[in-house]
């Protein structure tokens, strides 16, 4: 499990979920929480949760479940809601750009 936290972007090597700093919105946008603006610490929680939720067979009773419940609670979600949301296909952020596409082709990012 590797979560990469930078000054303007956060990624996970196990999840398609990403976070991007948005100066225009004065916060962080997380791909699996569209429309929400988070502070840096909450964005780190969201990416950590997405990375953990990418583990197969994550369920109530799993050793990581108490952490998943806690992290989801910080985001105003239940653990089940968070797992469902992180499993959805990635959406473009408010800028209209897809982070995965930008990483695949940096020159296409504009």
N, C-alpha and C. Protein backbone atom coordinates (compact mmCIF):
# COMPACT_ATOMS: atom_id res chain seq x y z
N UNK A 1 0.85 -1.17 0.00
CA UNK A 1 0.00 0.00 0.00
C UNK A 1 0.90 1.23 0.00
N UNK A 2 0.68 2.07 -0.99
CA UNK A 2 1.41 3.33 -1.04
C UNK A 2 0.45 4.46 -1.35
N UNK A 3 0.38 5.40 -0.44
CA UNK A 3 -0.36 6.63 -0.65
C UNK A 3 0.68 7.71 -0.82
N UNK A 4 0.61 8.44 -1.93
CA UNK A 4 1.55 9.51 -2.20
C UNK A 4 0.85 10.84 -1.93
N UNK A 5 1.44 11.63 -1.04
CA UNK A 5 0.85 12.91 -0.65
C UNK A 5 1.81 14.01 -1.05
N UNK A 6 1.38 14.83 -2.00
CA UNK A 6 2.19 15.95 -2.46
C UNK A 6 1.56 17.27 -2.09
N UNK A 7 2.16 18.33 -2.55
CA UNK A 7 1.65 19.67 -2.26
C UNK A 7 0.35 19.96 -2.98
N UNK A 8 0.14 19.34 -4.15
CA UNK A 8 -1.05 19.65 -4.94
C UNK A 8 -1.86 18.43 -5.36
N UNK A 9 -1.35 17.22 -5.09
CA UNK A 9 -2.05 16.01 -5.51
C UNK A 9 -1.76 14.87 -4.53
N UNK A 10 -2.77 14.02 -4.35
CA UNK A 10 -2.62 12.81 -3.54
C UNK A 10 -3.13 11.64 -4.37
N UNK A 11 -2.38 10.53 -4.32
CA UNK A 11 -2.76 9.34 -5.08
C UNK A 11 -2.52 8.09 -4.25
N UNK A 12 -3.11 7.01 -4.73
CA UNK A 12 -2.95 5.69 -4.12
C UNK A 12 -2.54 4.73 -5.21
N UNK A 13 -1.66 3.80 -4.88
CA UNK A 13 -1.27 2.81 -5.89
C UNK A 13 -2.27 1.65 -5.99
N UNK A 14 -3.25 1.58 -5.07
CA UNK A 14 -4.23 0.48 -5.12
C UNK A 14 -5.62 0.96 -5.53
N UNK A 15 -5.82 2.24 -5.62
CA UNK A 15 -7.13 2.79 -5.92
C UNK A 15 -7.04 3.81 -7.03
N UNK A 16 -8.11 3.94 -7.79
CA UNK A 16 -8.17 4.96 -8.83
C UNK A 16 -8.49 6.33 -8.25
N UNK A 17 -8.80 6.40 -6.98
CA UNK A 17 -9.20 7.65 -6.33
C UNK A 17 -8.01 8.59 -6.17
N UNK A 18 -8.26 9.87 -6.36
CA UNK A 18 -7.22 10.89 -6.26
C UNK A 18 -7.76 12.10 -5.53
N UNK A 19 -6.86 12.98 -5.13
CA UNK A 19 -7.24 14.26 -4.54
C UNK A 19 -6.36 15.32 -5.16
N UNK A 20 -6.93 16.50 -5.31
CA UNK A 20 -6.20 17.60 -5.92
C UNK A 20 -6.49 18.87 -5.14
N UNK A 21 -5.42 19.63 -4.89
CA UNK A 21 -5.60 20.93 -4.24
C UNK A 21 -6.22 21.89 -5.25
N UNK A 22 -7.23 22.61 -4.80
CA UNK A 22 -7.93 23.56 -5.65
C UNK A 22 -7.87 24.95 -5.02
N UNK A 23 -6.86 25.75 -5.40
CA UNK A 23 -6.77 27.09 -4.83
C UNK A 23 -8.04 27.92 -5.07
N UNK A 24 -8.66 27.73 -6.23
CA UNK A 24 -9.88 28.48 -6.55
C UNK A 24 -11.01 28.16 -5.58
N UNK A 25 -11.01 26.94 -5.04
CA UNK A 25 -12.06 26.52 -4.11
C UNK A 25 -11.56 26.53 -2.66
N UNK A 26 -10.31 26.95 -2.48
CA UNK A 26 -9.70 27.06 -1.15
C UNK A 26 -9.75 25.75 -0.37
N UNK A 27 -9.33 24.67 -1.01
CA UNK A 27 -9.30 23.38 -0.34
C UNK A 27 -8.92 22.27 -1.28
N UNK A 28 -9.30 21.06 -0.90
CA UNK A 28 -8.97 19.85 -1.65
C UNK A 28 -10.23 19.20 -2.18
N UNK A 29 -10.16 18.70 -3.40
CA UNK A 29 -11.25 17.94 -4.01
C UNK A 29 -10.80 16.49 -4.14
N UNK A 30 -11.65 15.58 -3.74
CA UNK A 30 -11.35 14.15 -3.79
C UNK A 30 -12.27 13.53 -4.84
N UNK A 31 -11.69 12.74 -5.73
CA UNK A 31 -12.45 12.22 -6.87
C UNK A 31 -13.69 11.43 -6.47
N UNK A 32 -13.64 10.72 -5.36
CA UNK A 32 -14.80 9.90 -4.99
C UNK A 32 -15.80 10.65 -4.11
N UNK A 33 -15.53 11.92 -3.85
CA UNK A 33 -16.45 12.78 -3.10
C UNK A 33 -16.72 14.05 -3.91
N UNK A 34 -17.28 13.90 -5.12
CA UNK A 34 -17.45 15.06 -6.00
C UNK A 34 -18.31 16.14 -5.36
N UNK A 35 -17.89 17.38 -5.60
CA UNK A 35 -18.64 18.52 -5.11
C UNK A 35 -18.26 18.96 -3.71
N UNK A 36 -17.50 18.15 -3.00
CA UNK A 36 -17.09 18.50 -1.64
C UNK A 36 -15.69 19.12 -1.67
N UNK A 37 -15.49 20.11 -0.83
CA UNK A 37 -14.18 20.72 -0.66
C UNK A 37 -13.72 20.39 0.76
N UNK A 38 -12.57 19.76 0.85
CA UNK A 38 -12.04 19.29 2.13
C UNK A 38 -10.78 20.04 2.50
N UNK A 39 -10.43 20.01 3.79
CA UNK A 39 -9.13 20.54 4.18
C UNK A 39 -8.09 19.43 3.90
N UNK A 40 -6.82 19.77 4.02
CA UNK A 40 -5.74 18.82 3.68
C UNK A 40 -5.83 17.54 4.52
N UNK A 41 -6.03 17.67 5.82
CA UNK A 41 -6.07 16.48 6.67
C UNK A 41 -7.24 15.56 6.32
N UNK A 42 -8.38 16.14 6.01
CA UNK A 42 -9.54 15.32 5.65
C UNK A 42 -9.33 14.67 4.28
N UNK A 43 -8.65 15.36 3.38
CA UNK A 43 -8.32 14.76 2.08
C UNK A 43 -7.38 13.57 2.26
N UNK A 44 -6.43 13.69 3.18
CA UNK A 44 -5.52 12.57 3.48
C UNK A 44 -6.33 11.39 4.01
N UNK A 45 -7.29 11.66 4.88
CA UNK A 45 -8.17 10.61 5.40
C UNK A 45 -8.91 9.94 4.25
N UNK A 46 -9.45 10.74 3.34
CA UNK A 46 -10.23 10.20 2.21
C UNK A 46 -9.37 9.32 1.30
N UNK A 47 -8.14 9.72 1.03
CA UNK A 47 -7.26 8.92 0.16
C UNK A 47 -6.81 7.66 0.88
N UNK A 48 -6.52 7.76 2.16
CA UNK A 48 -6.15 6.58 2.96
C UNK A 48 -7.31 5.58 2.98
N UNK A 49 -8.51 6.09 3.17
CA UNK A 49 -9.69 5.23 3.18
C UNK A 49 -9.88 4.55 1.82
N UNK A 50 -9.74 5.31 0.74
CA UNK A 50 -9.89 4.73 -0.60
C UNK A 50 -8.85 3.64 -0.85
N UNK A 51 -7.62 3.89 -0.43
CA UNK A 51 -6.56 2.91 -0.60
C UNK A 51 -6.87 1.64 0.18
N UNK A 52 -7.33 1.79 1.41
CA UNK A 52 -7.66 0.63 2.24
C UNK A 52 -8.88 -0.10 1.70
N UNK A 53 -9.87 0.65 1.22
CA UNK A 53 -11.10 0.04 0.69
C UNK A 53 -10.84 -0.75 -0.59
N UNK A 54 -9.72 -0.49 -1.25
CA UNK A 54 -9.38 -1.23 -2.47
C UNK A 54 -8.96 -2.66 -2.17
N UNK A 55 -8.72 -2.97 -0.90
CA UNK A 55 -8.37 -4.33 -0.50
C UNK A 55 -9.56 -5.25 -0.73
N UNK A 56 -9.30 -6.40 -1.28
CA UNK A 56 -10.38 -7.36 -1.52
C UNK A 56 -10.86 -7.94 -0.19
N UNK A 57 -12.12 -8.27 -0.14
CA UNK A 57 -12.73 -8.94 1.01
C UNK A 57 -12.68 -8.09 2.28
N UNK A 58 -12.84 -6.78 2.15
CA UNK A 58 -12.91 -5.90 3.30
C UNK A 58 -14.35 -5.92 3.80
N UNK A 59 -14.56 -6.31 5.04
CA UNK A 59 -15.91 -6.49 5.58
C UNK A 59 -15.89 -6.28 7.09
N UNK A 60 -17.09 -6.18 7.66
CA UNK A 60 -17.23 -6.10 9.11
C UNK A 60 -16.55 -7.34 9.70
N UNK A 61 -15.66 -7.15 10.64
CA UNK A 61 -14.90 -8.26 11.20
C UNK A 61 -13.46 -8.31 10.69
N UNK A 62 -13.20 -7.66 9.56
CA UNK A 62 -11.85 -7.57 9.03
C UNK A 62 -11.01 -6.72 10.00
N UNK A 63 -9.74 -7.04 10.18
CA UNK A 63 -8.91 -6.29 11.13
C UNK A 63 -8.85 -4.77 10.84
N UNK A 64 -9.04 -4.37 9.61
CA UNK A 64 -9.00 -2.95 9.26
C UNK A 64 -10.36 -2.26 9.42
N UNK A 65 -11.42 -3.04 9.67
CA UNK A 65 -12.76 -2.48 9.70
C UNK A 65 -12.93 -1.32 10.69
N UNK A 66 -12.40 -1.42 11.92
CA UNK A 66 -12.54 -0.28 12.85
C UNK A 66 -11.92 1.02 12.31
N UNK A 67 -10.82 0.89 11.58
CA UNK A 67 -10.20 2.06 10.98
C UNK A 67 -11.08 2.62 9.86
N UNK A 68 -11.61 1.73 9.03
CA UNK A 68 -12.50 2.15 7.94
C UNK A 68 -13.71 2.88 8.52
N UNK A 69 -14.28 2.34 9.58
CA UNK A 69 -15.43 3.00 10.22
C UNK A 69 -15.06 4.39 10.74
N UNK A 70 -13.91 4.49 11.36
CA UNK A 70 -13.47 5.77 11.92
C UNK A 70 -13.22 6.80 10.81
N UNK A 71 -12.48 6.40 9.78
CA UNK A 71 -12.19 7.31 8.68
C UNK A 71 -13.47 7.74 7.97
N UNK A 72 -14.36 6.79 7.74
CA UNK A 72 -15.64 7.12 7.09
C UNK A 72 -16.43 8.10 7.95
N UNK A 73 -16.42 7.90 9.24
CA UNK A 73 -17.11 8.81 10.16
C UNK A 73 -16.59 10.23 10.07
N UNK A 74 -15.28 10.37 9.90
CA UNK A 74 -14.69 11.71 9.74
C UNK A 74 -15.23 12.41 8.50
N UNK A 75 -15.65 11.61 7.52
CA UNK A 75 -16.17 12.14 6.26
C UNK A 75 -17.69 12.22 6.25
N UNK A 76 -18.31 11.87 7.37
CA UNK A 76 -19.77 11.92 7.47
C UNK A 76 -20.45 10.75 6.78
N UNK A 77 -19.75 9.63 6.66
CA UNK A 77 -20.27 8.44 5.98
C UNK A 77 -20.18 7.23 6.89
N UNK A 78 -20.94 6.20 6.56
CA UNK A 78 -20.73 4.91 7.20
C UNK A 78 -19.62 4.20 6.43
N UNK A 79 -19.08 3.16 7.02
CA UNK A 79 -18.03 2.38 6.34
C UNK A 79 -18.57 1.80 5.03
N UNK A 80 -19.78 1.26 5.07
CA UNK A 80 -20.38 0.66 3.86
C UNK A 80 -20.56 1.71 2.76
N UNK A 81 -21.02 2.91 3.13
CA UNK A 81 -21.20 3.98 2.14
C UNK A 81 -19.86 4.36 1.51
N UNK A 82 -18.83 4.49 2.34
CA UNK A 82 -17.52 4.86 1.84
C UNK A 82 -16.96 3.81 0.88
N UNK A 83 -17.09 2.56 1.24
CA UNK A 83 -16.59 1.49 0.37
C UNK A 83 -17.33 1.50 -0.97
N UNK A 84 -18.63 1.70 -0.93
CA UNK A 84 -19.42 1.76 -2.17
C UNK A 84 -18.96 2.94 -3.03
N UNK A 85 -18.79 4.10 -2.41
CA UNK A 85 -18.38 5.29 -3.17
C UNK A 85 -16.98 5.15 -3.76
N UNK A 86 -16.04 4.58 -3.03
CA UNK A 86 -14.68 4.46 -3.55
C UNK A 86 -14.60 3.45 -4.68
N UNK A 87 -15.56 2.55 -4.76
CA UNK A 87 -15.56 1.53 -5.82
C UNK A 87 -16.15 2.05 -7.12
N UNK A 88 -16.81 3.22 -7.09
CA UNK A 88 -17.42 3.77 -8.30
C UNK A 88 -16.34 4.24 -9.27
N UNK A 89 -16.66 4.27 -10.57
CA UNK A 89 -15.68 4.78 -11.54
C UNK A 89 -15.30 6.22 -11.22
N UNK A 90 -14.06 6.58 -11.50
CA UNK A 90 -13.61 7.94 -11.19
C UNK A 90 -14.38 8.97 -12.00
N UNK A 91 -14.64 10.11 -11.36
CA UNK A 91 -15.28 11.23 -12.03
C UNK A 91 -14.26 12.35 -12.17
N UNK A 92 -14.47 13.19 -13.16
CA UNK A 92 -13.61 14.35 -13.30
C UNK A 92 -13.88 15.32 -12.17
N UNK A 93 -12.86 16.03 -11.79
CA UNK A 93 -13.02 17.01 -10.72
C UNK A 93 -13.68 18.26 -11.30
N UNK A 94 -13.91 19.24 -10.47
CA UNK A 94 -14.64 20.44 -10.89
C UNK A 94 -13.94 21.18 -12.02
N UNK A 95 -12.64 20.96 -12.19
CA UNK A 95 -11.92 21.61 -13.28
C UNK A 95 -12.27 20.97 -14.62
N UNK A 96 -12.96 19.81 -14.57
CA UNK A 96 -13.32 19.12 -15.79
C UNK A 96 -12.22 18.23 -16.32
N UNK A 97 -11.15 18.08 -15.56
CA UNK A 97 -10.03 17.26 -16.01
C UNK A 97 -10.00 15.96 -15.23
N UNK A 98 -9.60 14.91 -15.88
CA UNK A 98 -9.49 13.60 -15.26
C UNK A 98 -8.03 13.38 -14.88
N UNK A 99 -7.76 13.26 -13.57
CA UNK A 99 -6.38 13.10 -13.11
C UNK A 99 -5.70 11.88 -13.70
N UNK A 100 -6.43 10.78 -13.82
CA UNK A 100 -5.83 9.57 -14.38
C UNK A 100 -5.40 9.81 -15.82
N UNK A 101 -6.23 10.49 -16.59
CA UNK A 101 -5.89 10.79 -17.98
C UNK A 101 -4.69 11.72 -18.05
N UNK A 102 -4.62 12.70 -17.13
CA UNK A 102 -3.48 13.60 -17.11
C UNK A 102 -2.18 12.87 -16.82
N UNK A 103 -2.22 11.92 -15.88
CA UNK A 103 -1.00 11.18 -15.57
C UNK A 103 -0.59 10.31 -16.76
N UNK A 104 -1.57 9.76 -17.48
CA UNK A 104 -1.27 8.92 -18.63
C UNK A 104 -0.68 9.74 -19.77
N UNK A 105 -1.15 10.99 -19.94
CA UNK A 105 -0.71 11.86 -21.01
C UNK A 105 -0.58 13.29 -20.49
N UNK A 106 0.54 13.62 -19.82
CA UNK A 106 0.69 14.93 -19.19
C UNK A 106 0.52 16.10 -20.16
N UNK A 107 0.86 15.92 -21.45
CA UNK A 107 0.72 17.01 -22.40
C UNK A 107 -0.75 17.29 -22.72
N UNK A 108 -1.64 16.32 -22.50
CA UNK A 108 -3.05 16.52 -22.74
C UNK A 108 -3.70 17.33 -21.64
N UNK A 109 -2.98 17.57 -20.55
CA UNK A 109 -3.54 18.27 -19.40
C UNK A 109 -3.75 19.76 -19.69
N UNK A 110 -3.17 20.26 -20.73
CA UNK A 110 -3.42 21.64 -21.10
C UNK A 110 -2.34 22.51 -20.73
